[in-house]
Amino acid sequence: MNLPKMILTVAISGGMTPSRSQYIPLSVEEQAEECYRVWKAGAAAVHLHARDPKDARPSSSIDHWGELVTKVKKRCPDLIISMTSSGAPGVTVEHRLAMIKHFKPELTTVTPESINYSVFHFVPKIKEWRYDWEKPLLMKSFTSVSQVYPFAEIIQFCKEFREVGTKPEMEIFSTSGLHNARWLYQEGVLERPVNVNFVLGILGGTGAYHSEVLHLQTEALRMFGEGNFNWATDGVGYPAGFTLGAMAIGMGGNVRVGMEDDVYIRPGVLAKSNLEMVEDIKTMASICGRELATPDEARQILGLKGIDKVNF
């Protein structure tokens, strides 16, 4: 079976609470170094979240973002840099839009559904907190719905991102999100290729099961048609990143791993770097005969504008 080249994306740090692992890269220097290491190992893209240098909390500051993406681009000149559009907790829609429109990245994430995204269940597992903001932030997901995205907001984001040449990557947490993405495509809000990432394993979303990957990929093929979309797995929580990644490798999909999505490399063993996860995925891909796409090959596949057209 002749399978296409595989795009490997690494979610370097996310807004993951630092107390889950001492190895999560937090500072700009740490994140840039991790990006460099996975880029040299064959990753075509990284997905980034900015943090406040004072206490590592998630940040939507233009200054914090500018320092991060500029440093990463300097270290990794052709790497695809995806910026989250979710922003830090409490940030307004207007600020989230302004951030992406200012930097004009090649790629950004958009969630085409509302989700009861929950992380409060991590609290009993953490014995020692590094920062005072972490526990209250996690517990907030127990008492409120953290990700509510009305269609007006989703459409506004997609249209304004198109104006600056930023391609949305649709983060799909359930079949509902996929159906919404299909509607956006039919209405001309999304252009081909539609890039979808199956984010499975979040409490409040869909479980990280092989049957769900098969279902979502089959539905995406029916909805968008062959050649009109690209898909990837993003298994949240060990070992989902690897088990679902292995399935994507065998089915011709793409893979995302990284410390945003989990911090373990083996049962009970913390990953010391994102590179360890990359090397495991590379080994599986090699066994299955999947070559890794270079950043420029990934740009062609995903329909991106090019690193020379970003504003950082």
Protein backbone atom coordinates (compact mmCIF):
# COMPACT_ATOMS: atom_id res chain seq x y z
CA MET A 1 0.00 0.00 0.00
CA ASN A 2 1.44 3.34 -1.10
CA LEU A 3 0.83 5.76 1.78
CA PRO A 4 1.54 9.51 1.60
CA LYS A 5 4.22 11.28 3.56
CA MET A 6 3.21 11.94 7.14
CA ILE A 7 3.09 15.34 8.82
CA LEU A 8 4.39 15.19 12.38
CA THR A 9 3.27 18.05 14.62
CA VAL A 10 4.53 18.60 18.15
CA ALA A 11 2.49 20.49 20.76
CA ILE A 12 5.45 21.74 22.78
CA SER A 13 3.97 22.97 26.05
CA GLY A 14 0.37 24.13 25.79
CA GLY A 15 -1.23 25.65 28.84
CA MET A 16 -0.44 22.46 30.75
CA THR A 17 -0.14 23.02 34.47
CA PRO A 18 3.60 23.00 35.26
CA SER A 19 3.13 20.87 38.38
CA ARG A 20 2.25 17.81 36.30
CA SER A 21 5.89 17.45 35.27
CA GLN A 22 9.17 19.21 35.95
CA TYR A 23 10.15 18.60 32.33
CA ILE A 24 7.46 20.73 30.62
CA PRO A 25 9.24 23.55 28.75
CA LEU A 26 7.95 26.84 30.11
CA SER A 27 10.24 29.75 29.27
CA VAL A 28 10.76 31.14 25.76
CA GLU A 29 14.28 29.69 25.72
CA GLU A 30 13.06 26.27 26.82
CA GLN A 31 10.26 26.19 24.27
CA ALA A 32 12.55 27.39 21.47
CA GLU A 33 15.12 24.73 22.34
CA GLU A 34 12.44 22.03 22.28
CA CYS A 35 11.23 23.30 18.90
CA TYR A 36 14.77 23.15 17.55
CA ARG A 37 15.29 19.59 18.75
CA VAL A 38 12.05 18.21 17.30
CA TRP A 39 12.57 20.17 14.05
CA LYS A 40 16.00 18.63 13.60
CA ALA A 41 14.48 15.21 14.33
CA GLY A 42 11.93 15.57 11.52
CA ALA A 43 8.86 17.39 12.86
CA ALA A 44 7.27 19.58 10.20
CA ALA A 45 5.21 21.75 12.56
CA VAL A 46 4.92 22.87 16.17
CA HIS A 47 1.82 24.06 17.99
CA LEU A 48 2.55 26.80 20.52
CA HIS A 49 1.02 28.53 23.55
CA ALA A 50 2.64 31.58 25.13
CA ARG A 51 3.31 31.82 28.86
CA ASP A 52 3.95 34.66 31.27
CA PRO A 53 7.65 34.55 32.21
CA LYS A 54 6.87 35.56 35.80
CA ASP A 55 4.87 32.48 36.76
CA ALA A 56 4.41 30.36 33.59
CA ARG A 57 0.65 30.92 33.43
CA PRO A 58 -0.96 30.89 29.93
CA SER A 59 -0.67 34.29 28.30
CA SER A 60 -2.23 36.13 25.36
CA SER A 61 0.13 39.09 25.64
CA ILE A 62 1.35 40.37 22.27
CA ASP A 63 4.78 40.87 23.84
CA HIS A 64 4.98 37.33 25.18
CA TRP A 65 3.81 35.87 21.89
CA GLY A 66 6.18 38.05 19.89
CA GLU A 67 9.19 36.95 21.87
CA LEU A 68 8.23 33.28 21.53
CA VAL A 69 7.43 33.05 17.83
CA THR A 70 10.35 35.28 16.84
CA LYS A 71 12.78 33.12 18.80
CA VAL A 72 11.39 29.88 17.38
CA LYS A 73 11.49 31.17 13.80
CA LYS A 74 15.08 32.30 14.25
CA ARG A 75 16.13 28.89 15.59
CA CYS A 76 14.08 26.89 13.05
CA PRO A 77 13.84 28.97 9.85
CA ASP A 78 11.46 26.74 7.84
CA LEU A 79 9.43 25.16 10.64
CA ILE A 80 5.62 25.59 10.46
CA ILE A 81 4.52 27.52 13.55
CA SER A 82 0.91 27.05 14.60
CA MET A 83 -0.41 29.51 17.18
CA THR A 84 -3.39 28.67 19.35
CA SER A 85 -6.35 31.01 18.92
CA SER A 86 -7.92 29.96 22.22
CA GLY A 87 -5.99 32.50 24.26
CA ALA A 88 -5.49 32.62 28.00
CA PRO A 89 -8.47 32.18 30.37
CA GLY A 90 -10.69 35.24 30.43
CA VAL A 91 -9.31 36.81 27.25
CA THR A 92 -11.89 38.47 25.02
CA VAL A 93 -12.80 37.32 21.52
CA GLU A 94 -11.51 40.64 20.18
CA HIS A 95 -8.09 40.12 21.75
CA ARG A 96 -7.83 36.56 20.47
CA LEU A 97 -8.60 37.75 16.96
CA ALA A 98 -6.20 40.68 17.21
CA MET A 99 -3.37 38.37 18.28
CA ILE A 100 -3.64 36.17 15.19
CA LYS A 101 -4.26 39.10 12.86
CA HIS A 102 -1.17 40.83 14.21
CA PHE A 103 1.26 37.94 13.75
CA LYS A 104 -0.42 36.38 10.68
CA PRO A 105 0.88 32.83 11.31
CA GLU A 106 0.56 30.17 8.64
CA LEU A 107 -1.66 28.02 10.84
CA THR A 108 -3.92 28.42 13.85
CA THR A 109 -6.35 26.15 15.69
CA VAL A 110 -10.12 26.66 15.69
CA THR A 111 -12.66 24.55 17.60
CA PRO A 112 -15.92 24.32 15.61
CA GLU A 113 -18.00 23.16 18.58
CA SER A 114 -18.58 23.94 22.23
CA ILE A 115 -17.07 21.43 24.63
CA ASN A 116 -17.15 20.78 28.35
CA TYR A 117 -13.33 20.71 28.37
CA SER A 118 -12.41 19.49 31.85
CA VAL A 119 -9.09 19.13 33.67
CA PHE A 120 -10.20 19.21 37.33
CA HIS A 121 -9.55 15.48 37.62
CA PHE A 122 -5.80 16.13 37.57
CA VAL A 123 -5.98 17.90 40.93
CA PRO A 124 -5.90 14.79 43.21
CA LYS A 125 -2.91 13.46 41.29
CA ILE A 126 -0.73 16.50 41.97
CA LYS A 127 0.96 16.41 45.37
CA GLU A 128 2.96 19.62 45.18
CA TRP A 129 2.00 22.82 43.35
CA ARG A 130 4.66 25.03 41.79
CA TYR A 131 2.41 28.09 41.29
CA ASP A 132 -0.66 29.35 43.13
CA TRP A 133 -2.71 29.88 39.94
CA GLU A 134 -2.67 26.23 38.86
CA LYS A 135 -5.17 24.52 41.17
CA PRO A 136 -7.89 27.22 40.89
CA LEU A 137 -7.57 27.18 37.10
CA LEU A 138 -7.99 23.40 36.94
CA MET A 139 -10.92 23.44 39.37
CA LYS A 140 -12.71 26.11 37.35
CA SER A 141 -13.48 23.44 34.75
CA PHE A 142 -15.50 21.60 37.43
CA THR A 143 -17.91 24.47 37.98
CA SER A 144 -18.18 26.03 34.51
CA VAL A 145 -18.06 25.13 30.82
CA SER A 146 -14.72 26.45 29.63
CA GLN A 147 -15.04 26.34 25.84
CA VAL A 148 -18.25 27.81 24.45
CA TYR A 149 -17.99 28.73 20.78
CA PRO A 150 -21.15 30.02 19.07
CA PHE A 151 -21.33 29.86 15.28
CA ALA A 152 -21.07 33.64 14.97
CA GLU A 153 -17.67 33.51 16.66
CA ILE A 154 -16.44 30.49 14.67
CA ILE A 155 -17.43 32.10 11.37
CA GLN A 156 -15.90 35.43 12.34
CA PHE A 157 -12.61 33.76 13.24
CA CYS A 158 -12.41 31.76 10.02
CA LYS A 159 -13.25 34.75 7.81
CA GLU A 160 -10.84 37.14 9.51
CA PHE A 161 -8.07 34.54 9.52
CA ARG A 162 -8.57 34.11 5.77
CA GLU A 163 -8.05 37.86 5.30
CA VAL A 164 -4.50 37.55 6.70
CA GLY A 165 -3.76 34.24 4.99
CA THR A 166 -3.85 32.13 8.16
CA LYS A 167 -5.19 28.62 7.61
CA PRO A 168 -7.46 27.24 10.35
CA GLU A 169 -6.84 23.76 11.67
CA MET A 170 -10.14 22.43 12.98
CA GLU A 171 -9.77 20.73 16.36
CA ILE A 172 -12.43 18.03 16.40
CA PHE A 173 -13.45 16.74 19.84
CA SER A 174 -16.53 14.83 18.70
CA THR A 175 -18.67 13.96 15.69
CA SER A 176 -20.59 17.20 16.32
CA GLY A 177 -17.47 19.23 15.56
CA LEU A 178 -16.93 17.34 12.34
CA HIS A 179 -20.52 17.96 11.22
CA ASN A 180 -20.11 21.65 12.03
CA ALA A 181 -16.88 21.76 9.99
CA ARG A 182 -18.73 20.18 7.06
CA TRP A 183 -21.39 22.90 7.24
CA LEU A 184 -18.70 25.59 7.33
CA TYR A 185 -17.11 24.00 4.25
CA GLN A 186 -20.43 23.80 2.39
CA GLU A 187 -21.11 27.48 3.19
CA GLY A 188 -17.71 28.53 1.86
CA VAL A 189 -16.38 29.57 5.26
CA LEU A 190 -13.68 26.89 5.03
CA GLU A 191 -11.65 26.33 1.88
CA ARG A 192 -10.08 23.11 0.68
CA PRO A 193 -8.10 21.44 1.90
CA VAL A 194 -9.96 21.30 5.19
CA ASN A 195 -7.44 20.34 7.89
CA VAL A 196 -8.94 18.43 10.81
CA ASN A 197 -7.27 17.15 13.97
CA PHE A 198 -9.12 14.48 15.97
CA VAL A 199 -8.48 15.46 19.60
CA LEU A 200 -9.57 12.41 21.60
CA GLY A 201 -9.27 11.63 25.30
CA ILE A 202 -10.31 14.93 26.90
CA LEU A 203 -12.78 14.60 29.78
CA GLY A 204 -15.92 16.21 28.42
CA GLY A 205 -15.10 15.18 24.86
CA THR A 206 -14.85 11.86 23.03
CA GLY A 207 -12.76 8.99 24.36
CA ALA A 208 -9.42 8.02 22.83
CA TYR A 209 -10.64 4.82 21.20
CA HIS A 210 -9.57 3.26 17.91
CA SER A 211 -13.24 2.92 16.95
CA GLU A 212 -13.63 6.71 17.24
CA VAL A 213 -10.68 7.35 14.90
CA LEU A 214 -12.15 4.97 12.34
CA HIS A 215 -15.58 6.57 12.69
CA LEU A 216 -14.32 10.14 12.39
CA GLN A 217 -12.02 9.40 9.46
CA THR A 218 -14.81 7.56 7.63
CA GLU A 219 -17.24 10.41 8.27
CA ALA A 220 -14.69 13.02 7.16
CA LEU A 221 -14.14 11.14 3.92
CA ARG A 222 -17.90 11.01 3.33
CA MET A 223 -18.41 14.67 4.23
CA PHE A 224 -15.51 16.33 2.43
CA GLY A 225 -14.58 13.84 -0.26
CA GLU A 226 -11.21 12.30 -1.04
CA GLY A 227 -8.51 14.87 -1.70
CA ASN A 228 -10.42 17.71 -0.03
CA PHE A 229 -9.19 17.25 3.55
CA ASN A 230 -6.24 16.21 5.69
CA TRP A 231 -6.59 14.51 9.05
CA ALA A 232 -4.47 13.81 12.09
CA THR A 233 -4.82 12.13 15.46
CA ASP A 234 -4.12 13.82 18.77
CA GLY A 235 -4.52 11.30 21.56
CA VAL A 236 -4.68 13.02 24.94
CA GLY A 237 -3.34 11.09 27.91
CA TYR A 238 -0.87 8.21 27.88
CA PRO A 239 -0.78 5.97 25.88
CA ALA A 240 -3.36 7.51 23.51
CA GLY A 241 -0.83 9.68 21.69
CA PHE A 242 1.00 6.54 20.63
CA THR A 243 -1.88 4.10 20.15
CA LEU A 244 -3.94 6.52 18.07
CA GLY A 245 -0.79 7.76 16.38
CA ALA A 246 0.02 4.20 15.32
CA MET A 247 -3.47 3.90 13.85
CA ALA A 248 -3.06 7.16 11.89
CA ILE A 249 0.31 5.98 10.61
CA GLY A 250 -1.23 2.78 9.29
CA MET A 251 -4.27 4.54 7.78
CA GLY A 252 -2.36 7.29 5.98
CA GLY A 253 -3.16 10.10 8.42
CA ASN A 254 -0.94 12.56 10.25
CA VAL A 255 0.10 12.62 13.91
CA ARG A 256 0.37 15.16 16.71
CA VAL A 257 2.14 14.41 19.98
CA GLY A 258 3.75 16.54 22.67
CA MET A 259 3.75 17.67 26.26
CA GLU A 260 0.62 19.75 25.81
CA ASP A 261 -1.30 16.50 25.42
CA ASP A 262 0.52 14.22 27.85
CA VAL A 263 3.68 14.04 29.93
CA TYR A 264 4.41 10.29 29.97
CA ILE A 265 6.63 8.27 27.65
CA ARG A 266 6.08 4.86 29.29
CA PRO A 267 3.73 3.66 32.06
CA GLY A 268 4.57 5.81 35.09
CA VAL A 269 7.66 7.29 33.40
CA LEU A 270 7.70 11.02 32.67
CA ALA A 271 9.03 12.13 29.30
CA LYS A 272 12.09 14.29 29.76
CA SER A 273 11.51 16.05 26.46
CA ASN A 274 9.18 16.24 23.47
CA LEU A 275 12.00 14.68 21.48
CA GLU A 276 11.43 11.33 23.18
CA MET A 277 7.86 11.26 21.88
CA VAL A 278 9.00 12.26 18.39
CA GLU A 279 11.55 9.47 18.28
CA ASP A 280 8.91 6.87 19.23
CA ILE A 281 6.52 8.10 16.53
CA LYS A 282 9.36 8.16 14.00
CA THR A 283 10.20 4.55 14.82
CA MET A 284 6.59 3.47 14.30
CA ALA A 285 6.37 5.41 11.05
CA SER A 286 9.60 3.86 9.78
CA ILE A 287 8.38 0.34 10.59
CA CYS A 288 5.21 1.05 8.59
CA GLY A 289 7.09 2.61 5.68
CA ARG A 290 5.81 6.15 6.25
CA GLU A 291 8.24 8.90 5.38
CA LEU A 292 8.03 12.16 7.31
CA ALA A 293 7.06 15.24 5.31
CA THR A 294 9.49 18.15 5.41
CA PRO A 295 8.08 21.52 6.49
CA ASP A 296 7.82 22.66 2.86
CA GLU A 297 6.16 19.41 1.82
CA ALA A 298 3.72 19.83 4.71
CA ARG A 299 2.94 23.36 3.50
CA GLN A 300 1.96 21.99 0.10
CA ILE A 301 -0.22 19.30 1.68
CA LEU A 302 -1.96 21.66 4.14
CA GLY A 303 -2.33 24.57 1.72
CA LEU A 304 -0.26 27.08 3.69
CA LYS A 305 1.00 30.46 2.46
CA GLY A 306 4.68 30.13 3.43
CA ILE A 307 6.90 31.28 6.27
CA ASP A 308 7.88 34.43 4.35
CA LYS A 309 4.34 35.78 4.69
CA VAL A 310 4.06 35.74 8.49
CA ASN A 311 4.49 38.88 10.56
CA PHE A 312 7.24 37.83 12.96
